[in-house]
N, C-alpha and C. Protein backbone atom coordinates (compact mmCIF):
# COMPACT_ATOMS: atom_id res chain seq x y z
N MET A 1 162.06 114.24 104.99
CA MET A 1 162.32 113.26 106.50
C MET A 1 162.17 111.75 106.50
N PRO A 2 162.91 110.82 107.29
CA PRO A 2 163.54 109.57 106.91
C PRO A 2 162.82 108.67 107.43
N VAL A 3 162.74 107.16 106.91
CA VAL A 3 162.04 106.41 106.93
C VAL A 3 161.91 105.84 108.66
N GLN A 4 160.91 105.93 109.40
CA GLN A 4 160.93 105.11 110.42
C GLN A 4 161.13 103.52 110.60
N ILE A 5 161.69 103.05 111.38
CA ILE A 5 162.48 101.64 110.80
C ILE A 5 161.55 101.27 112.22
N THR A 6 160.88 100.28 112.66
CA THR A 6 160.18 99.95 114.08
C THR A 6 160.79 98.68 114.09
N SER A 7 161.80 97.49 114.02
CA SER A 7 162.79 96.87 114.10
C SER A 7 163.39 96.26 112.97
N ILE A 8 164.30 95.91 112.75
CA ILE A 8 165.25 94.60 112.04
C ILE A 8 165.88 93.44 112.44
N ALA A 9 165.44 92.28 112.20
CA ALA A 9 165.15 91.05 112.65
C ALA A 9 166.07 90.13 110.94
N PRO A 10 167.21 89.68 111.83
CA PRO A 10 168.20 88.73 109.90
C PRO A 10 166.00 87.39 109.63
N ILE A 11 167.47 87.04 108.21
CA ILE A 11 166.14 86.02 108.02
C ILE A 11 168.06 85.36 107.52
N LEU A 12 167.79 83.51 108.96
CA LEU A 12 169.23 83.19 107.60
C LEU A 12 169.08 82.18 107.39
N PRO A 13 169.26 82.06 105.80
CA PRO A 13 168.79 80.48 104.95
C PRO A 13 169.95 78.93 105.87
N VAL A 14 169.25 78.26 105.49
CA VAL A 14 169.32 77.30 106.42
C VAL A 14 169.38 75.46 104.78
N HIS A 15 170.64 74.77 105.63
CA HIS A 15 169.98 73.42 104.59
C HIS A 15 168.80 73.00 104.90
N GLU A 16 168.09 73.34 106.37
CA GLU A 16 167.10 72.04 107.05
C GLU A 16 166.69 72.84 108.17
N ILE A 17 165.73 72.83 107.78
CA ILE A 17 165.38 74.11 109.67
C ILE A 17 165.33 73.37 111.05
N GLU A 18 164.77 71.66 110.25
CA GLU A 18 164.33 70.86 111.19
C GLU A 18 165.62 70.70 112.46
N SER A 19 167.24 70.10 112.30
CA SER A 19 167.88 70.44 112.83
C SER A 19 168.87 71.54 113.76
N ALA A 20 168.78 72.54 112.88
CA ALA A 20 168.97 74.36 113.51
C ALA A 20 167.97 74.30 114.86
N LEU A 21 166.23 74.10 114.97
CA LEU A 21 165.60 74.64 115.95
C LEU A 21 166.14 74.36 116.92
N PRO A 22 166.68 72.33 117.55
CA PRO A 22 167.15 72.98 119.29
C PRO A 22 167.91 73.34 119.36
N PHE A 23 168.43 73.93 118.40
CA PHE A 23 169.55 74.69 119.31
C PHE A 23 169.67 75.92 119.82
N TRP A 24 169.08 76.87 118.08
CA TRP A 24 168.05 78.15 118.88
C TRP A 24 166.64 78.56 119.88
N ILE A 25 165.91 76.83 119.94
CA ILE A 25 165.48 76.63 121.04
C ILE A 25 165.73 76.09 122.88
N ASP A 26 166.76 75.22 122.16
CA ASP A 26 167.32 74.43 123.87
C ASP A 26 168.22 75.41 124.02
N GLN A 27 169.09 75.71 123.04
CA GLN A 27 169.94 75.63 123.82
C GLN A 27 170.24 77.25 124.10
N LEU A 28 170.00 78.01 123.26
CA LEU A 28 169.79 79.55 124.01
C LEU A 28 168.05 80.35 123.65
N GLY A 29 167.48 79.67 123.98
CA GLY A 29 166.37 79.75 124.78
C GLY A 29 164.47 80.76 123.91
N PHE A 30 165.75 80.61 122.49
CA PHE A 30 163.86 81.63 122.34
C PHE A 30 163.30 80.37 121.94
N THR A 31 161.98 81.20 121.39
CA THR A 31 160.61 80.64 121.40
C THR A 31 160.17 80.63 120.35
N LEU A 32 159.26 79.72 119.48
CA LEU A 32 159.12 79.24 118.11
C LEU A 32 157.79 79.83 117.86
N ILE A 33 157.70 80.65 117.56
CA ILE A 33 156.18 81.57 117.50
C ILE A 33 155.68 81.69 116.01
N THR A 34 155.69 80.65 115.00
CA THR A 34 155.05 80.48 113.37
C THR A 34 156.38 79.91 112.84
N SER A 35 155.29 78.83 112.24
CA SER A 35 156.50 78.03 110.56
C SER A 35 155.58 78.19 109.71
N VAL A 36 156.29 77.57 108.76
CA VAL A 36 155.63 77.43 107.62
C VAL A 36 155.77 76.42 107.00
N ASP A 37 155.39 75.99 106.00
CA ASP A 37 155.78 75.10 105.59
C ASP A 37 156.76 74.67 103.63
N HIS A 38 157.43 74.16 103.19
CA HIS A 38 157.45 73.78 102.09
C HIS A 38 157.66 72.65 102.28
N GLU A 39 156.98 71.59 100.50
CA GLU A 39 156.52 70.34 100.14
C GLU A 39 156.57 70.12 101.19
N ASP A 40 157.61 69.33 101.58
CA ASP A 40 156.90 68.21 102.66
C ASP A 40 158.29 68.72 104.89
N ARG A 41 158.65 69.54 104.04
CA ARG A 41 159.25 70.02 105.44
C ARG A 41 159.33 71.53 106.17
N LEU A 42 159.97 71.66 107.52
CA LEU A 42 159.81 72.48 107.01
C LEU A 42 160.08 74.56 106.26
N GLY A 43 160.00 75.32 106.01
CA GLY A 43 160.39 75.80 104.26
C GLY A 43 160.59 77.43 105.95
N PHE A 44 160.10 77.90 106.73
CA PHE A 44 160.52 79.11 107.32
C PHE A 44 159.95 78.50 108.89
N VAL A 45 160.69 79.35 109.39
CA VAL A 45 159.50 79.54 111.77
C VAL A 45 160.27 81.24 112.14
N LEU A 46 160.22 81.70 112.25
CA LEU A 46 160.02 83.03 112.73
C LEU A 46 160.74 82.43 114.78
N LEU A 47 161.00 83.20 114.95
CA LEU A 47 161.69 82.42 116.40
C LEU A 47 162.23 84.00 117.30
N ALA A 48 161.34 83.46 118.02
CA ALA A 48 161.20 85.12 118.89
C ALA A 48 162.34 85.28 120.40
N LYS A 49 162.70 86.01 121.31
CA LYS A 49 163.31 85.93 122.79
C LYS A 49 163.69 87.42 123.33
N ASP A 50 161.88 87.68 124.50
CA ASP A 50 162.26 88.46 124.97
C ASP A 50 162.28 90.24 124.19
N ASP A 51 162.79 90.86 123.51
CA ASP A 51 162.16 91.52 121.71
C ASP A 51 163.82 91.46 121.39
N MET A 52 163.92 90.87 121.23
CA MET A 52 164.91 89.81 119.72
C MET A 52 163.76 89.09 119.02
N THR A 53 164.27 88.78 117.99
CA THR A 53 163.31 87.34 116.49
C THR A 53 164.83 87.71 115.51
N VAL A 54 164.24 86.73 115.63
CA VAL A 54 164.95 86.10 114.50
C VAL A 54 164.96 84.58 113.87
N MET A 55 164.24 84.57 112.51
CA MET A 55 163.70 83.90 111.02
C MET A 55 164.70 83.32 110.88
N LEU A 56 165.01 81.77 110.70
CA LEU A 56 165.27 80.49 109.03
C LEU A 56 164.62 80.70 108.27
N GLN A 57 164.92 80.44 107.36
CA GLN A 57 164.17 79.95 105.65
C GLN A 57 165.04 79.24 105.31
N THR A 58 164.84 77.78 104.40
CA THR A 58 165.57 76.85 104.04
C THR A 58 165.60 77.50 101.98
N HIS A 59 167.29 76.91 102.01
CA HIS A 59 166.72 77.32 100.27
C HIS A 59 165.60 76.75 99.77
N ALA A 60 165.89 76.02 99.51
CA ALA A 60 164.75 75.19 98.55
C ALA A 60 163.25 76.39 99.19
N SER A 61 163.16 76.97 100.29
CA SER A 61 161.99 77.68 100.01
C SER A 61 162.56 78.88 99.54
N LEU A 62 163.61 79.81 99.65
CA LEU A 62 164.03 80.84 98.84
C LEU A 62 164.46 80.66 97.72
N PHE A 63 164.73 79.60 96.76
CA PHE A 63 164.38 79.08 95.44
C PHE A 63 162.79 79.06 94.78
N HIS A 64 162.31 79.07 95.57
CA HIS A 64 160.64 79.60 95.47
C HIS A 64 160.61 80.43 95.32
N ASP A 65 160.75 81.45 96.02
CA ASP A 65 160.50 82.33 96.06
C ASP A 65 161.44 83.65 95.27
N ASP A 66 162.84 82.81 95.15
CA ASP A 66 163.03 83.50 93.90
C ASP A 66 164.37 83.23 93.33
N PRO A 67 164.30 82.11 92.36
CA PRO A 67 166.16 81.24 91.91
C PRO A 67 166.22 82.01 92.44
N ALA A 68 166.41 83.47 92.08
CA ALA A 68 168.01 83.61 92.08
C ALA A 68 168.92 83.65 93.44
N LEU A 69 168.57 83.07 94.64
CA LEU A 69 168.74 83.43 95.83
C LEU A 69 169.68 81.78 96.78
N ALA A 70 168.07 81.22 95.79
CA ALA A 70 168.86 79.88 95.87
C ALA A 70 170.72 79.24 97.14
N ASP A 71 171.41 79.42 96.01
CA ASP A 71 172.85 79.02 96.16
C ASP A 71 173.51 80.29 96.67
N ARG A 72 173.29 80.34 97.36
CA ARG A 72 173.90 82.21 97.80
C ARG A 72 174.10 81.63 98.32
N PRO A 73 175.91 81.87 99.53
CA PRO A 73 175.41 81.48 100.09
C PRO A 73 175.45 83.20 101.74
N SER A 74 174.76 83.06 102.63
CA SER A 74 174.62 84.29 103.11
C SER A 74 175.95 85.29 103.80
N PRO A 75 175.54 86.84 102.75
CA PRO A 75 177.32 87.12 103.83
C PRO A 75 177.10 87.41 104.43
N ALA A 76 176.98 88.02 105.81
CA ALA A 76 175.66 88.25 106.29
C ALA A 76 176.10 87.24 107.58
N MET A 77 176.58 87.53 109.21
CA MET A 77 176.90 87.39 110.19
C MET A 77 176.18 88.12 110.86
N LEU A 78 175.51 87.19 112.76
CA LEU A 78 174.98 87.79 113.93
C LEU A 78 175.87 88.14 114.65
N TYR A 79 175.83 89.42 114.83
CA TYR A 79 177.02 89.74 116.39
C TYR A 79 175.90 89.84 117.30
N ALA A 80 176.21 88.36 118.82
CA ALA A 80 174.92 88.58 119.19
C ALA A 80 175.54 89.08 120.94
N LYS A 81 174.87 89.88 121.66
CA LYS A 81 175.95 90.11 122.94
C LYS A 81 175.02 89.36 124.14
N VAL A 82 176.20 88.20 124.49
CA VAL A 82 175.88 87.79 126.28
C VAL A 82 176.14 88.05 127.14
N GLU A 83 175.60 88.01 128.33
CA GLU A 83 175.90 88.06 129.68
C GLU A 83 177.51 87.09 129.98
N ASP A 84 177.25 85.79 129.21
CA ASP A 84 178.68 85.14 130.11
C ASP A 84 179.23 84.01 128.29
N LEU A 85 180.81 84.48 128.30
CA LEU A 85 180.52 83.05 127.06
C LEU A 85 180.82 82.24 127.68
N ASP A 86 181.54 82.33 128.56
CA ASP A 86 182.34 81.35 129.58
C ASP A 86 180.66 80.20 129.63
N GLU A 87 179.17 79.98 130.04
CA GLU A 87 178.21 79.67 130.22
C GLU A 87 177.81 79.27 128.63
N LEU A 88 178.13 80.43 127.53
CA LEU A 88 176.54 80.98 125.96
C LEU A 88 178.74 78.58 125.85
N ILE A 89 179.22 79.35 125.64
CA ILE A 89 179.89 78.45 125.20
C ILE A 89 180.07 76.80 125.78
N ALA A 90 180.14 76.87 126.67
CA ALA A 90 179.08 75.09 126.99
C ALA A 90 178.40 74.98 126.64
N ALA A 91 177.62 75.71 126.74
CA ALA A 91 175.23 75.68 126.92
C ALA A 91 175.69 74.73 124.72
N THR A 92 177.01 75.71 124.15
CA THR A 92 176.26 74.81 122.79
C THR A 92 177.73 73.89 122.03
N GLU A 93 178.65 73.24 123.46
CA GLU A 93 179.42 72.36 122.60
C GLU A 93 178.84 71.22 122.58
N GLY A 94 179.82 70.88 121.38
CA GLY A 94 178.99 70.01 120.92
C GLY A 94 178.41 69.99 119.54
N THR A 95 177.91 71.02 119.32
CA THR A 95 176.78 71.19 118.35
C THR A 95 176.52 72.04 117.37
N THR A 96 178.23 73.27 117.40
CA THR A 96 178.85 74.16 116.51
C THR A 96 179.85 74.23 116.63
N SER A 97 180.87 74.98 115.49
CA SER A 97 182.13 74.71 115.32
C SER A 97 182.44 75.83 115.62
N VAL A 98 184.08 76.16 115.71
CA VAL A 98 184.75 77.21 116.67
C VAL A 98 184.77 77.58 115.02
N VAL A 99 184.80 79.11 113.96
CA VAL A 99 184.66 79.67 112.97
C VAL A 99 186.53 80.64 113.25
N VAL A 100 185.95 81.02 114.22
CA VAL A 100 187.05 82.57 114.88
C VAL A 100 187.43 81.88 116.96
N ALA A 101 187.98 81.74 116.74
CA ALA A 101 189.11 80.99 118.19
C ALA A 101 188.46 82.38 119.24
N ARG A 102 187.91 81.85 120.67
CA ARG A 102 187.49 82.78 121.55
C ARG A 102 189.25 83.84 121.37
N ARG A 103 188.98 85.48 121.69
CA ARG A 103 189.88 86.29 121.52
C ARG A 103 189.64 87.57 122.49
N THR A 104 190.07 88.82 122.77
CA THR A 104 188.99 89.06 123.27
C THR A 104 190.32 90.80 122.56
N THR A 105 189.26 91.48 122.13
CA THR A 105 189.38 92.74 120.39
C THR A 105 189.92 93.50 121.47
N PHE A 106 190.93 94.67 121.09
CA PHE A 106 191.41 95.78 121.09
C PHE A 106 189.66 96.94 121.95
N TYR A 107 188.78 96.49 121.18
CA TYR A 107 187.35 97.03 121.85
C TYR A 107 187.04 96.70 123.60
N GLY A 108 187.55 95.28 123.79
CA GLY A 108 186.72 95.06 125.29
C GLY A 108 186.65 93.95 124.39
N ALA A 109 185.83 93.63 123.77
CA ALA A 109 185.29 91.61 123.08
C ALA A 109 186.06 90.74 123.95
N ASP A 110 185.48 90.14 124.86
CA ASP A 110 185.44 88.53 125.12
C ASP A 110 184.89 88.04 123.68
N GLU A 111 185.22 87.38 122.48
CA GLU A 111 184.61 86.65 121.60
C GLU A 111 184.95 85.66 120.73
N VAL A 112 183.63 84.75 120.91
CA VAL A 112 184.37 83.48 119.95
C VAL A 112 183.03 84.06 119.11
N PHE A 113 183.80 82.90 117.57
CA PHE A 113 182.60 82.93 116.66
C PHE A 113 182.08 82.16 115.67
N LEU A 114 180.80 81.23 116.19
CA LEU A 114 180.19 80.22 115.96
C LEU A 114 179.45 79.67 114.67
N ARG A 115 180.42 79.12 114.54
CA ARG A 115 178.73 78.10 112.48
C ARG A 115 177.94 76.47 113.76
N VAL A 116 177.07 77.37 113.68
CA VAL A 116 176.28 77.53 114.41
C VAL A 116 174.59 75.83 113.58
N PRO A 117 173.57 75.01 113.63
CA PRO A 117 173.31 74.27 113.13
C PRO A 117 172.74 75.04 112.31
N GLY A 118 172.49 74.20 111.00
CA GLY A 118 171.84 75.28 109.47
C GLY A 118 172.51 75.22 109.08
N GLY A 119 173.79 76.15 109.41
CA GLY A 119 174.84 76.70 108.59
C GLY A 119 175.94 78.25 108.48
N ALA A 120 174.28 78.87 110.00
CA ALA A 120 175.01 80.05 109.51
C ALA A 120 176.56 80.22 110.67
N VAL A 121 176.99 81.27 111.00
CA VAL A 121 177.98 82.16 111.22
C VAL A 121 177.42 82.85 112.63
N ILE A 122 178.00 82.88 114.17
CA ILE A 122 176.63 83.93 114.82
C ILE A 122 178.56 84.48 115.92
N GLY A 123 178.51 85.85 115.73
CA GLY A 123 179.84 85.73 117.01
C GLY A 123 179.48 85.39 118.25
N PHE A 124 178.89 86.05 118.59
CA PHE A 124 179.05 85.32 120.61
C PHE A 124 179.92 87.09 120.96
N ALA A 125 179.73 87.17 122.26
CA ALA A 125 180.19 88.12 123.28
C ALA A 125 180.26 88.52 124.60
N ALA A 126 180.53 89.13 124.82
CA ALA A 126 180.64 89.18 126.31
C ALA A 126 181.40 90.77 126.99
N SER A 127 181.59 91.55 128.08
CA SER A 127 182.39 91.74 128.29
C SER A 127 183.54 91.42 128.55
N ALA A 128 184.77 92.12 128.41
CA ALA A 128 186.30 91.31 129.31
C ALA A 128 185.77 91.70 129.39
N LYS A 129 186.79 90.66 130.58
CA LYS A 129 186.78 90.32 132.82
C LYS A 129 188.51 90.58 132.63
N GLY A 130 188.39 91.19 133.67
CA GLY A 130 189.86 91.64 134.11
C GLY A 130 190.43 92.77 134.34
């Protein structure tokens, strides 16, 4: 019998959490659920919105957990569906950089990939219009 998984949430390695929080909270509407300090700064946070959770953990905190994890860039990216890509782009302007320019895919997604504060890459997609 397969193991029953009830949820999966990404842990995004970041250089620092403090500069990433306004993006996640103010621009995307997540709520800070819990935080853990590491040395004199935030080392880990759990963020939630509706039925979604995202965790941010600093490289320094990862190094403390396992030195082999500290300097490896995360190969994982997030892919988030949004109702209105224009609204998302307007809300994040000035705080993100474009990794993959806006495009319409063969499978009907209107998408853009952005590097967000903290360094993670997220693909944002809406159903193509028209």
